[in-house]
Amino acid sequence: MKICLINGKQVAREVLDRALSVRLNAEVDPFFCCENALLTPLDYDVFVVYNNFHKKMNGFQCVKKIRARRPHAFIVGVTSNPNLAERFTSAGVDVALLRSGNEIAELVDIVRQRVDAA
């Protein structure tokens, strides 16, 4: 399984990268910003997009671009603001996850459910 992880915070990105790699036995490509991720062929099974505003594109715009290039992609949008979770949903994510004290476990569960359903 290949996961595209977009999170503008370096420490969080590194922790998430390791955790998802180990817990899901996945290949994770971590990106600082959406622009960098969009330079790739986007051949990922799962996209995890945090709404960190870096460079010119925010997470919602990124989701729309991913959805345009990969209409059937599985995309998880992650935010700490319930109002922004609604914006992620309208942008086209499959799951809008509100950050909590245990978001890594929640992400792992969401991805596992997706894999089991496929």
PDB file of N, CA and C in Angstrom:
ATOM      1  N   MET A   1       0.838  -1.173   0.000  1.00  0.00           N
ATOM      2  CA  MET A   1       0.000   0.000   0.000  1.00  0.00           C
ATOM      3  C   MET A   1       0.882   1.235   0.000  1.00  0.00           C
ATOM      4  N   LYS A   2       0.503   2.221  -0.811  1.00  0.00           N
ATOM      5  CA  LYS A   2       1.233   3.485  -0.882  1.00  0.00           C
ATOM      6  C   LYS A   2       0.348   4.606  -0.355  1.00  0.00           C
ATOM      7  N   ILE A   3       0.920   5.400   0.549  1.00  0.00           N
ATOM      8  CA  ILE A   3       0.200   6.509   1.160  1.00  0.00           C
ATOM      9  C   ILE A   3       0.935   7.809   0.867  1.00  0.00           C
ATOM     10  N   CYS A   4       0.177   8.807   0.419  1.00  0.00           N
ATOM     11  CA  CYS A   4       0.690  10.156   0.249  1.00  0.00           C
ATOM     12  C   CYS A   4       0.264  10.946   1.485  1.00  0.00           C
ATOM     13  N   LEU A   5       1.231  11.457   2.220  1.00  0.00           N
ATOM     14  CA  LEU A   5       0.974  12.205   3.446  1.00  0.00           C
ATOM     15  C   LEU A   5       1.397  13.654   3.233  1.00  0.00           C
ATOM     16  N   ILE A   6       0.456  14.577   3.391  1.00  0.00           N
ATOM     17  CA  ILE A   6       0.766  15.998   3.207  1.00  0.00           C
ATOM     18  C   ILE A   6       0.509  16.719   4.521  1.00  0.00           C
ATOM     19  N   ASN A   7       1.597  17.159   5.140  1.00  0.00           N
ATOM     20  CA  ASN A   7       1.519  17.851   6.428  1.00  0.00           C
ATOM     21  C   ASN A   7       2.679  18.830   6.497  1.00  0.00           C
ATOM     22  N   GLY A   8       2.378  20.092   6.682  1.00  0.00           N
ATOM     23  CA  GLY A   8       3.400  21.132   6.673  1.00  0.00           C
ATOM     24  C   GLY A   8       4.266  21.219   7.921  1.00  0.00           C
ATOM     25  N   LYS A   9       3.942  20.462   8.936  1.00  0.00           N
ATOM     26  CA  LYS A   9       4.724  20.508  10.175  1.00  0.00           C
ATOM     27  C   LYS A   9       5.697  19.331  10.191  1.00  0.00           C
ATOM     28  N   GLN A  10       6.979  19.651  10.184  1.00  0.00           N
ATOM     29  CA  GLN A  10       8.014  18.639  10.006  1.00  0.00           C
ATOM     30  C   GLN A  10       7.964  17.524  11.047  1.00  0.00           C
ATOM     31  N   VAL A  11       7.909  17.867  12.316  1.00  0.00           N
ATOM     32  CA  VAL A  11       7.926  16.845  13.366  1.00  0.00           C
ATOM     33  C   VAL A  11       6.689  15.953  13.258  1.00  0.00           C
ATOM     34  N   ALA A  12       5.539  16.560  13.080  1.00  0.00           N
ATOM     35  CA  ALA A  12       4.303  15.778  12.940  1.00  0.00           C
ATOM     36  C   ALA A  12       4.374  14.881  11.714  1.00  0.00           C
ATOM     37  N   ARG A  13       4.893  15.404  10.613  1.00  0.00           N
ATOM     38  CA  ARG A  13       5.024  14.626   9.379  1.00  0.00           C
ATOM     39  C   ARG A  13       5.930  13.411   9.598  1.00  0.00           C
ATOM     40  N   GLU A  14       7.036  13.598  10.309  1.00  0.00           N
ATOM     41  CA  GLU A  14       7.959  12.492  10.564  1.00  0.00           C
ATOM     42  C   GLU A  14       7.327  11.429  11.460  1.00  0.00           C
ATOM     43  N   VAL A  15       6.614  11.858  12.489  1.00  0.00           N
ATOM     44  CA  VAL A  15       5.948  10.918  13.396  1.00  0.00           C
ATOM     45  C   VAL A  15       4.872  10.138  12.649  1.00  0.00           C
ATOM     46  N   LEU A  16       4.059  10.839  11.886  1.00  0.00           N
ATOM     47  CA  LEU A  16       2.998  10.183  11.115  1.00  0.00           C
ATOM     48  C   LEU A  16       3.573   9.223  10.082  1.00  0.00           C
ATOM     49  N   ASP A  17       4.625   9.631   9.425  1.00  0.00           N
ATOM     50  CA  ASP A  17       5.280   8.781   8.426  1.00  0.00           C
ATOM     51  C   ASP A  17       5.696   7.453   9.054  1.00  0.00           C
ATOM     52  N   ARG A  18       6.413   7.529  10.175  1.00  0.00           N
ATOM     53  CA  ARG A  18       6.869   6.300  10.846  1.00  0.00           C
ATOM     54  C   ARG A  18       5.705   5.454  11.335  1.00  0.00           C
ATOM     55  N   ALA A  19       4.730   6.097  11.957  1.00  0.00           N
ATOM     56  CA  ALA A  19       3.604   5.356  12.533  1.00  0.00           C
ATOM     57  C   ALA A  19       2.791   4.650  11.454  1.00  0.00           C
ATOM     58  N   LEU A  20       2.466   5.350  10.386  1.00  0.00           N
ATOM     59  CA  LEU A  20       1.675   4.733   9.317  1.00  0.00           C
ATOM     60  C   LEU A  20       2.470   3.642   8.606  1.00  0.00           C
ATOM     61  N   SER A  21       3.761   3.873   8.428  1.00  0.00           N
ATOM     62  CA  SER A  21       4.607   2.853   7.791  1.00  0.00           C
ATOM     63  C   SER A  21       4.602   1.560   8.587  1.00  0.00           C
ATOM     64  N   VAL A  22       4.802   1.683   9.882  1.00  0.00           N
ATOM     65  CA  VAL A  22       4.908   0.500  10.740  1.00  0.00           C
ATOM     66  C   VAL A  22       3.555  -0.156  10.966  1.00  0.00           C
ATOM     67  N   ARG A  23       2.572   0.633  11.356  1.00  0.00           N
ATOM     68  CA  ARG A  23       1.272   0.053  11.724  1.00  0.00           C
ATOM     69  C   ARG A  23       0.488  -0.501  10.539  1.00  0.00           C
ATOM     70  N   LEU A  24       0.727   0.049   9.355  1.00  0.00           N
ATOM     71  CA  LEU A  24      -0.015  -0.410   8.179  1.00  0.00           C
ATOM     72  C   LEU A  24       0.857  -1.179   7.198  1.00  0.00           C
ATOM     73  N   ASN A  25       2.139  -1.326   7.548  1.00  0.00           N
ATOM     74  CA  ASN A  25       3.084  -1.969   6.647  1.00  0.00           C
ATOM     75  C   ASN A  25       2.977  -1.320   5.262  1.00  0.00           C
ATOM     76  N   ALA A  26       3.026   0.002   5.251  1.00  0.00           N
ATOM     77  CA  ALA A  26       2.807   0.782   4.042  1.00  0.00           C
ATOM     78  C   ALA A  26       4.050   1.566   3.657  1.00  0.00           C
ATOM     79  N   GLU A  27       4.092   1.918   2.389  1.00  0.00           N
ATOM     80  CA  GLU A  27       5.109   2.835   1.891  1.00  0.00           C
ATOM     81  C   GLU A  27       4.491   4.228   1.954  1.00  0.00           C
ATOM     82  N   VAL A  28       5.088   5.115   2.744  1.00  0.00           N
ATOM     83  CA  VAL A  28       4.553   6.459   2.923  1.00  0.00           C
ATOM     84  C   VAL A  28       5.497   7.469   2.291  1.00  0.00           C
ATOM     85  N   ASP A  29       4.942   8.315   1.453  1.00  0.00           N
ATOM     86  CA  ASP A  29       5.705   9.429   0.885  1.00  0.00           C
ATOM     87  C   ASP A  29       5.207  10.703   1.552  1.00  0.00           C
ATOM     88  N   PRO A  30       6.031  11.277   2.441  1.00  0.00           N
ATOM     89  CA  PRO A  30       5.608  12.494   3.142  1.00  0.00           C
ATOM     90  C   PRO A  30       5.978  13.749   2.348  1.00  0.00           C
ATOM     91  N   PHE A  31       5.054  14.697   2.311  1.00  0.00           N
ATOM     92  CA  PHE A  31       5.280  15.948   1.603  1.00  0.00           C
ATOM     93  C   PHE A  31       4.988  17.113   2.533  1.00  0.00           C
ATOM     94  N   PHE A  32       5.759  18.175   2.367  1.00  0.00           N
ATOM     95  CA  PHE A  32       5.592  19.414   3.125  1.00  0.00           C
ATOM     96  C   PHE A  32       4.355  20.173   2.677  1.00  0.00           C
ATOM     97  N   CYS A  33       4.088  20.142   1.361  1.00  0.00           N
ATOM     98  CA  CYS A  33       2.987  20.930   0.822  1.00  0.00           C
ATOM     99  C   CYS A  33       2.322  20.211  -0.338  1.00  0.00           C
ATOM    100  N   CYS A  34       1.152  20.673  -0.652  1.00  0.00           N
ATOM    101  CA  CYS A  34       0.368  20.079  -1.743  1.00  0.00           C
ATOM    102  C   CYS A  34       1.080  20.225  -3.079  1.00  0.00           C
ATOM    103  N   GLU A  35       1.692  21.372  -3.299  1.00  0.00           N
ATOM    104  CA  GLU A  35       2.358  21.614  -4.576  1.00  0.00           C
ATOM    105  C   GLU A  35       3.392  20.532  -4.870  1.00  0.00           C
ATOM    106  N   ASN A  36       4.158  20.130  -3.860  1.00  0.00           N
ATOM    107  CA  ASN A  36       5.172  19.095  -4.070  1.00  0.00           C
ATOM    108  C   ASN A  36       4.537  17.747  -4.385  1.00  0.00           C
ATOM    109  N   ALA A  37       3.473  17.405  -3.680  1.00  0.00           N
ATOM    110  CA  ALA A  37       2.790  16.138  -3.928  1.00  0.00           C
ATOM    111  C   ALA A  37       2.217  16.098  -5.336  1.00  0.00           C
ATOM    112  N   LEU A  38       1.673  17.219  -5.790  1.00  0.00           N
ATOM    113  CA  LEU A  38       1.049  17.266  -7.102  1.00  0.00           C
ATOM    114  C   LEU A  38       2.057  17.165  -8.246  1.00  0.00           C
ATOM    115  N   LEU A  39       3.335  17.271  -7.952  1.00  0.00           N
ATOM    116  CA  LEU A  39       4.365  17.094  -8.975  1.00  0.00           C
ATOM    117  C   LEU A  39       4.620  15.616  -9.272  1.00  0.00           C
ATOM    118  N   THR A  40       4.051  14.739  -8.471  1.00  0.00           N
ATOM    119  CA  THR A  40       4.239  13.298  -8.652  1.00  0.00           C
ATOM    120  C   THR A  40       3.117  12.745  -9.541  1.00  0.00           C
ATOM    121  N   PRO A  41       3.237  11.487  -9.972  1.00  0.00           N
ATOM    122  CA  PRO A  41       2.142  10.876 -10.753  1.00  0.00           C
ATOM    123  C   PRO A  41       0.889  10.578  -9.928  1.00  0.00           C
ATOM    124  N   LEU A  42       0.937  10.785  -8.620  1.00  0.00           N
ATOM    125  CA  LEU A  42      -0.195  10.538  -7.713  1.00  0.00           C
ATOM    126  C   LEU A  42      -0.653   9.085  -7.754  1.00  0.00           C
ATOM    127  N   ASP A  43       0.293   8.178  -7.835  1.00  0.00           N
ATOM    128  CA  ASP A  43      -0.040   6.748  -7.875  1.00  0.00           C
ATOM    129  C   ASP A  43      -0.090   6.164  -6.459  1.00  0.00           C
ATOM    130  N   TYR A  44      -0.958   6.732  -5.642  1.00  0.00           N
ATOM    131  CA  TYR A  44      -1.102   6.325  -4.250  1.00  0.00           C
ATOM    132  C   TYR A  44      -2.449   5.660  -4.035  1.00  0.00           C
ATOM    133  N   ASP A  45      -2.499   4.782  -3.041  1.00  0.00           N
ATOM    134  CA  ASP A  45      -3.748   4.128  -2.667  1.00  0.00           C
ATOM    135  C   ASP A  45      -4.568   5.012  -1.735  1.00  0.00           C
ATOM    136  N   VAL A  46      -3.864   5.797  -0.917  1.00  0.00           N
ATOM    137  CA  VAL A  46      -4.510   6.649   0.091  1.00  0.00           C
ATOM    138  C   VAL A  46      -3.785   7.995   0.123  1.00  0.00           C
ATOM    139  N   PHE A  47      -4.568   9.051   0.257  1.00  0.00           N
ATOM    140  CA  PHE A  47      -4.022  10.396   0.442  1.00  0.00           C
ATOM    141  C   PHE A  47      -4.481  10.895   1.805  1.00  0.00           C
ATOM    142  N   VAL A  48      -3.533  11.385   2.614  1.00  0.00           N
ATOM    143  CA  VAL A  48      -3.858  11.985   3.908  1.00  0.00           C
ATOM    144  C   VAL A  48      -3.419  13.441   3.817  1.00  0.00           C
ATOM    145  N   VAL A  49      -4.402  14.339   3.844  1.00  0.00           N
ATOM    146  CA  VAL A  49      -4.140  15.759   3.628  1.00  0.00           C
ATOM    147  C   VAL A  49      -4.506  16.532   4.885  1.00  0.00           C
ATOM    148  N   TYR A  50      -3.500  17.137   5.497  1.00  0.00           N
ATOM    149  CA  TYR A  50      -3.729  18.021   6.641  1.00  0.00           C
ATOM    150  C   TYR A  50      -3.977  19.420   6.111  1.00  0.00           C
ATOM    151  N   ASN A  51      -4.775  20.171   6.825  1.00  0.00           N
ATOM    152  CA  ASN A  51      -5.071  21.514   6.365  1.00  0.00           C
ATOM    153  C   ASN A  51      -4.082  22.520   6.932  1.00  0.00           C
ATOM    154  N   ASN A  52      -2.837  22.325   6.615  1.00  0.00           N
ATOM    155  CA  ASN A  52      -1.806  23.298   6.976  1.00  0.00           C
ATOM    156  C   ASN A  52      -1.661  24.244   5.793  1.00  0.00           C
ATOM    157  N   PHE A  53      -1.701  25.511   6.055  1.00  0.00           N
ATOM    158  CA  PHE A  53      -1.617  26.473   4.973  1.00  0.00           C
ATOM    159  C   PHE A  53      -0.154  26.824   4.727  1.00  0.00           C
ATOM    160  N   HIS A  54       0.390  26.263   3.668  1.00  0.00           N
ATOM    161  CA  HIS A  54       1.769  26.529   3.288  1.00  0.00           C
ATOM    162  C   HIS A  54       1.811  26.810   1.796  1.00  0.00           C
ATOM    163  N   LYS A  55       2.764  27.598   1.427  1.00  0.00           N
ATOM    164  CA  LYS A  55       2.892  28.032   0.041  1.00  0.00           C
ATOM    165  C   LYS A  55       1.583  28.666  -0.400  1.00  0.00           C
ATOM    166  N   LYS A  56       1.103  28.349  -1.588  1.00  0.00           N
ATOM    167  CA  LYS A  56      -0.082  29.024  -2.114  1.00  0.00           C
ATOM    168  C   LYS A  56      -1.361  28.221  -1.961  1.00  0.00           C
ATOM    169  N   MET A  57      -1.264  26.915  -1.830  1.00  0.00           N
ATOM    170  CA  MET A  57      -2.444  26.064  -1.858  1.00  0.00           C
ATOM    171  C   MET A  57      -2.766  25.519  -0.473  1.00  0.00           C
ATOM    172  N   ASN A  58      -4.049  25.586  -0.090  1.00  0.00           N
ATOM    173  CA  ASN A  58      -4.449  24.994   1.182  1.00  0.00           C
ATOM    174  C   ASN A  58      -4.944  23.564   0.947  1.00  0.00           C
ATOM    175  N   GLY A  59      -5.288  22.889   2.006  1.00  0.00           N
ATOM    176  CA  GLY A  59      -5.704  21.491   1.921  1.00  0.00           C
ATOM    177  C   GLY A  59      -6.948  21.273   1.077  1.00  0.00           C
ATOM    178  N   PHE A  60      -7.886  22.202   1.115  1.00  0.00           N
ATOM    179  CA  PHE A  60      -9.124  22.061   0.348  1.00  0.00           C
ATOM    180  C   PHE A  60      -8.841  22.135  -1.149  1.00  0.00           C
ATOM    181  N   GLN A  61      -8.014  23.102  -1.527  1.00  0.00           N
ATOM    182  CA  GLN A  61      -7.636  23.233  -2.933  1.00  0.00           C
ATOM    183  C   GLN A  61      -6.871  21.998  -3.398  1.00  0.00           C
ATOM    184  N   CYS A  62      -6.032  21.492  -2.524  1.00  0.00           N
ATOM    185  CA  CYS A  62      -5.247  20.302  -2.849  1.00  0.00           C
ATOM    186  C   CYS A  62      -6.163  19.101  -3.096  1.00  0.00           C
ATOM    187  N   VAL A  63      -7.143  18.921  -2.231  1.00  0.00           N
ATOM    188  CA  VAL A  63      -8.085  17.805  -2.384  1.00  0.00           C
ATOM    189  C   VAL A  63      -8.793  17.901  -3.729  1.00  0.00           C
ATOM    190  N   LYS A  64      -9.210  19.095  -4.102  1.00  0.00           N
ATOM    191  CA  LYS A  64      -9.901  19.273  -5.384  1.00  0.00           C
ATOM    192  C   LYS A  64      -8.992  18.896  -6.556  1.00  0.00           C
ATOM    193  N   LYS A  65      -7.717  19.259  -6.459  1.00  0.00           N
ATOM    194  CA  LYS A  65      -6.765  18.926  -7.535  1.00  0.00           C
ATOM    195  C   LYS A  65      -6.505  17.422  -7.589  1.00  0.00           C
ATOM    196  N   ILE A  66      -6.360  16.796  -6.419  1.00  0.00           N
ATOM    197  CA  ILE A  66      -6.169  15.344  -6.394  1.00  0.00           C
ATOM    198  C   ILE A  66      -7.405  14.663  -6.977  1.00  0.00           C
ATOM    199  N   ARG A  67      -8.574  15.104  -6.551  1.00  0.00           N
ATOM    200  CA  ARG A  67      -9.830  14.505  -7.019  1.00  0.00           C
ATOM    201  C   ARG A  67      -9.969  14.650  -8.541  1.00  0.00           C
ATOM    202  N   ALA A  68      -9.534  15.788  -9.092  1.00  0.00           N
ATOM    203  CA  ALA A  68      -9.621  16.001 -10.539  1.00  0.00           C
ATOM    204  C   ALA A  68      -8.717  15.026 -11.302  1.00  0.00           C
ATOM    205  N   ARG A  69      -7.545  14.757 -10.745  1.00  0.00           N
ATOM    206  CA  ARG A  69      -6.607  13.852 -11.424  1.00  0.00           C
ATOM    207  C   ARG A  69      -6.852  12.393 -11.099  1.00  0.00           C
ATOM    208  N   ARG A  70      -7.366  12.130  -9.905  1.00  0.00           N
ATOM    209  CA  ARG A  70      -7.631  10.751  -9.463  1.00  0.00           C
ATOM    210  C   ARG A  70      -9.044  10.686  -8.890  1.00  0.00           C
ATOM    211  N   PRO A  71     -10.069  10.620  -9.740  1.00  0.00           N
ATOM    212  CA  PRO A  71     -11.459  10.693  -9.283  1.00  0.00           C
ATOM    213  C   PRO A  71     -11.849   9.622  -8.274  1.00  0.00           C
ATOM    214  N   HIS A  72     -11.211   8.464  -8.313  1.00  0.00           N
ATOM    215  CA  HIS A  72     -11.589   7.367  -7.417  1.00  0.00           C
ATOM    216  C   HIS A  72     -10.609   7.188  -6.256  1.00  0.00           C
ATOM    217  N   ALA A  73      -9.762   8.171  -6.028  1.00  0.00           N
ATOM    218  CA  ALA A  73      -8.776   8.094  -4.939  1.00  0.00           C
ATOM    219  C   ALA A  73      -9.484   8.097  -3.581  1.00  0.00           C
ATOM    220  N   PHE A  74      -8.843   7.474  -2.598  1.00  0.00           N
ATOM    221  CA  PHE A  74      -9.344   7.511  -1.223  1.00  0.00           C
ATOM    222  C   PHE A  74      -8.588   8.617  -0.507  1.00  0.00           C
ATOM    223  N   ILE A  75      -9.310   9.649  -0.100  1.00  0.00           N
ATOM    224  CA  ILE A  75      -8.678  10.837   0.491  1.00  0.00           C
ATOM    225  C   ILE A  75      -9.235  11.083   1.885  1.00  0.00           C
ATOM    226  N   VAL A  76      -8.316  11.268   2.831  1.00  0.00           N
ATOM    227  CA  VAL A  76      -8.680  11.614   4.207  1.00  0.00           C
ATOM    228  C   VAL A  76      -8.200  13.044   4.452  1.00  0.00           C
ATOM    229  N   GLY A  77      -9.100  13.917   4.848  1.00  0.00           N
ATOM    230  CA  GLY A  77      -8.743  15.281   5.216  1.00  0.00           C
ATOM    231  C   GLY A  77      -8.694  15.379   6.728  1.00  0.00           C
ATOM    232  N   VAL A  78      -7.638  15.994   7.253  1.00  0.00           N
ATOM    233  CA  VAL A  78      -7.463  16.068   8.711  1.00  0.00           C
ATOM    234  C   VAL A  78      -7.351  17.530   9.136  1.00  0.00           C
ATOM    235  N   THR A  79      -8.162  17.893  10.131  1.00  0.00           N
ATOM    236  CA  THR A  79      -8.154  19.257  10.656  1.00  0.00           C
ATOM    237  C   THR A  79      -8.532  19.226  12.137  1.00  0.00           C
ATOM    238  N   SER A  80      -8.253  20.307  12.814  1.00  0.00           N
ATOM    239  CA  SER A  80      -8.643  20.404  14.223  1.00  0.00           C
ATOM    240  C   SER A  80      -9.899  21.257  14.403  1.00  0.00           C
ATOM    241  N   ASN A  81     -10.422  21.793  13.315  1.00  0.00           N
ATOM    242  CA  ASN A  81     -11.565  22.696  13.372  1.00  0.00           C
ATOM    243  C   ASN A  81     -12.796  22.045  12.732  1.00  0.00           C
ATOM    244  N   PRO A  82     -13.883  21.860  13.491  1.00  0.00           N
ATOM    245  CA  PRO A  82     -15.083  21.230  12.922  1.00  0.00           C
ATOM    246  C   PRO A  82     -15.633  21.953  11.691  1.00  0.00           C
ATOM    247  N   ASN A  83     -15.532  23.267  11.648  1.00  0.00           N
ATOM    248  CA  ASN A  83     -15.999  24.008  10.477  1.00  0.00           C
ATOM    249  C   ASN A  83     -15.171  23.686   9.243  1.00  0.00           C
ATOM    250  N   LEU A  84     -13.888  23.470   9.447  1.00  0.00           N
ATOM    251  CA  LEU A  84     -13.019  23.130   8.322  1.00  0.00           C
ATOM    252  C   LEU A  84     -13.234  21.684   7.879  1.00  0.00           C
ATOM    253  N   ALA A  85     -13.680  20.828   8.777  1.00  0.00           N
ATOM    254  CA  ALA A  85     -14.007  19.451   8.399  1.00  0.00           C
ATOM    255  C   ALA A  85     -15.124  19.468   7.355  1.00  0.00           C
ATOM    256  N   GLU A  86     -16.084  20.363   7.526  1.00  0.00           N
ATOM    257  CA  GLU A  86     -17.169  20.495   6.550  1.00  0.00           C
ATOM    258  C   GLU A  86     -16.635  20.971   5.198  1.00  0.00           C
ATOM    259  N   ARG A  87     -15.664  21.860   5.236  1.00  0.00           N
ATOM    260  CA  ARG A  87     -15.056  22.335   3.981  1.00  0.00           C
ATOM    261  C   ARG A  87     -14.299  21.209   3.286  1.00  0.00           C
ATOM    262  N   PHE A  88     -13.633  20.352   4.072  1.00  0.00           N
ATOM    263  CA  PHE A  88     -12.961  19.191   3.484  1.00  0.00           C
ATOM    264  C   PHE A  88     -13.978  18.288   2.790  1.00  0.00           C
ATOM    265  N   THR A  89     -15.102  18.072   3.445  1.00  0.00           N
ATOM    266  CA  THR A  89     -16.136  17.213   2.869  1.00  0.00           C
ATOM    267  C   THR A  89     -16.638  17.796   1.549  1.00  0.00           C
ATOM    268  N   SER A  90     -16.891  19.093   1.530  1.00  0.00           N
ATOM    269  CA  SER A  90     -17.376  19.706   0.295  1.00  0.00           C
ATOM    270  C   SER A  90     -16.289  19.746  -0.782  1.00  0.00           C
ATOM    271  N   ALA A  91     -15.024  19.694  -0.391  1.00  0.00           N
ATOM    272  CA  ALA A  91     -13.924  19.667  -1.361  1.00  0.00           C
ATOM    273  C   ALA A  91     -13.780  18.285  -2.004  1.00  0.00           C
ATOM    274  N   GLY A  92     -14.326  17.249  -1.340  1.00  0.00           N
ATOM    275  CA  GLY A  92     -14.301  15.928  -1.968  1.00  0.00           C
ATOM    276  C   GLY A  92     -13.584  14.832  -1.226  1.00  0.00           C
ATOM    277  N   VAL A  93     -13.273  15.015   0.067  1.00  0.00           N
ATOM    278  CA  VAL A  93     -12.632  13.924   0.801  1.00  0.00           C
ATOM    279  C   VAL A  93     -13.632  12.790   1.042  1.00  0.00           C
ATOM    280  N   ASP A  94     -13.107  11.600   1.222  1.00  0.00           N
ATOM    281  CA  ASP A  94     -13.947  10.465   1.584  1.00  0.00           C
ATOM    282  C   ASP A  94     -14.241  10.483   3.078  1.00  0.00           C
ATOM    283  N   VAL A  95     -13.247  10.932   3.861  1.00  0.00           N
ATOM    284  CA  VAL A  95     -13.379  11.002   5.310  1.00  0.00           C
ATOM    285  C   VAL A  95     -12.754  12.303   5.789  1.00  0.00           C
ATOM    286  N   ALA A  96     -13.492  13.047   6.600  1.00  0.00           N
ATOM    287  CA  ALA A  96     -12.946  14.236   7.257  1.00  0.00           C
ATOM    288  C   ALA A  96     -12.708  13.865   8.716  1.00  0.00           C
ATOM    289  N   LEU A  97     -11.465  13.864   9.128  1.00  0.00           N
ATOM    290  CA  LEU A  97     -11.084  13.452  10.474  1.00  0.00           C
ATOM    291  C   LEU A  97     -10.744  14.675  11.314  1.00  0.00           C
ATOM    292  N   LEU A  98     -11.424  14.793  12.446  1.00  0.00           N
ATOM    293  CA  LEU A  98     -11.085  15.850  13.390  1.00  0.00           C
ATOM    294  C   LEU A  98      -9.932  15.371  14.249  1.00  0.00           C
ATOM    295  N   ARG A  99      -8.888  16.197  14.327  1.00  0.00           N
ATOM    296  CA  ARG A  99      -7.720  15.831  15.129  1.00  0.00           C
ATOM    297  C   ARG A  99      -8.131  15.670  16.577  1.00  0.00           C
ATOM    298  N   SER A 100      -7.581  14.630  17.171  1.00  0.00           N
ATOM    299  CA  SER A 100      -7.853  14.365  18.581  1.00  0.00           C
ATOM    300  C   SER A 100      -6.540  13.938  19.220  1.00  0.00           C
ATOM    301  N   GLY A 101      -6.614  13.487  20.427  1.00  0.00           N
ATOM    302  CA  GLY A 101      -5.406  13.012  21.091  1.00  0.00           C
ATOM    303  C   GLY A 101      -4.889  11.709  20.516  1.00  0.00           C
ATOM    304  N   ASN A 102      -5.705  11.056  19.679  1.00  0.00           N
ATOM    305  CA  ASN A 102      -5.319   9.748  19.171  1.00  0.00           C
ATOM    306  C   ASN A 102      -5.526   9.659  17.656  1.00  0.00           C
ATOM    307  N   GLU A 103      -5.116  10.696  16.941  1.00  0.00           N
ATOM    308  CA  GLU A 103      -5.392  10.724  15.509  1.00  0.00           C
ATOM    309  C   GLU A 103      -4.633   9.656  14.730  1.00  0.00           C
ATOM    310  N   ILE A 104      -3.470   9.236  15.213  1.00  0.00           N
ATOM    311  CA  ILE A 104      -2.737   8.183  14.498  1.00  0.00           C
ATOM    312  C   ILE A 104      -3.548   6.891  14.511  1.00  0.00           C
ATOM    313  N   ALA A 105      -4.046   6.507  15.664  1.00  0.00           N
ATOM    314  CA  ALA A 105      -4.859   5.291  15.747  1.00  0.00           C
ATOM    315  C   ALA A 105      -6.111   5.422  14.887  1.00  0.00           C
ATOM    316  N   GLU A 106      -6.719   6.594  14.885  1.00  0.00           N
ATOM    317  CA  GLU A 106      -7.912   6.820  14.070  1.00  0.00           C
ATOM    318  C   GLU A 106      -7.583   6.714  12.576  1.00  0.00           C
ATOM    319  N   LEU A 107      -6.463   7.294  12.153  1.00  0.00           N
ATOM    320  CA  LEU A 107      -6.042   7.188  10.763  1.00  0.00           C
ATOM    321  C   LEU A 107      -5.807   5.732  10.372  1.00  0.00           C
ATOM    322  N   VAL A 108      -5.113   5.009  11.228  1.00  0.00           N
ATOM    323  CA  VAL A 108      -4.840   3.587  10.964  1.00  0.00           C
ATOM    324  C   VAL A 108      -6.153   2.833  10.817  1.00  0.00           C
ATOM    325  N   ASP A 109      -7.111   3.069  11.704  1.00  0.00           N
ATOM    326  CA  ASP A 109      -8.415   2.395  11.626  1.00  0.00           C
ATOM    327  C   ASP A 109      -9.144   2.731  10.328  1.00  0.00           C
ATOM    328  N   ILE A 110      -9.132   3.996   9.945  1.00  0.00           N
ATOM    329  CA  ILE A 110      -9.807   4.425   8.720  1.00  0.00           C
ATOM    330  C   ILE A 110      -9.197   3.733   7.505  1.00  0.00           C
ATOM    331  N   VAL A 111      -7.878   3.707   7.429  1.00  0.00           N
ATOM    332  CA  VAL A 111      -7.213   3.084   6.292  1.00  0.00           C
ATOM    333  C   VAL A 111      -7.448   1.577   6.286  1.00  0.00           C
ATOM    334  N   ARG A 112      -7.385   0.951   7.454  1.00  0.00           N
ATOM    335  CA  ARG A 112      -7.635  -0.498   7.518  1.00  0.00           C
ATOM    336  C   ARG A 112      -9.049  -0.832   7.063  1.00  0.00           C
ATOM    337  N   GLN A 113     -10.019  -0.032   7.490  1.00  0.00           N
ATOM    338  CA  GLN A 113     -11.404  -0.258   7.053  1.00  0.00           C
ATOM    339  C   GLN A 113     -11.515  -0.146   5.539  1.00  0.00           C
ATOM    340  N   ARG A 114     -10.809   0.805   4.971  1.00  0.00           N
ATOM    341  CA  ARG A 114     -10.833   0.989   3.511  1.00  0.00           C
ATOM    342  C   ARG A 114     -10.226  -0.225   2.818  1.00  0.00           C
ATOM    343  N   VAL A 115      -9.104  -0.708   3.329  1.00  0.00           N
ATOM    344  CA  VAL A 115      -8.438  -1.862   2.729  1.00  0.00           C
ATOM    345  C   VAL A 115      -9.309  -3.103   2.857  1.00  0.00           C
ATOM    346  N   ASP A 116      -9.925  -3.296   4.021  1.00  0.00           N
ATOM    347  CA  ASP A 116     -10.781  -4.459   4.236  1.00  0.00           C
ATOM    348  C   ASP A 116     -12.017  -4.429   3.337  1.00  0.00           C
ATOM    349  N   ALA A 117     -12.519  -3.222   3.043  1.00  0.00           N
ATOM    350  CA  ALA A 117     -13.711  -3.093   2.211  1.00  0.00           C
ATOM    351  C   ALA A 117     -13.401  -3.327   0.734  1.00  0.00           C
ATOM    352  N   ALA A 118     -12.156  -3.116   0.358  1.00  0.00           N
ATOM    353  CA  ALA A 118     -11.784  -3.243  -1.075  1.00  0.00           C
ATOM    354  C   ALA A 118     -11.631  -4.681  -1.514  1.00  0.00           C
TER     355      ALA A 118
END
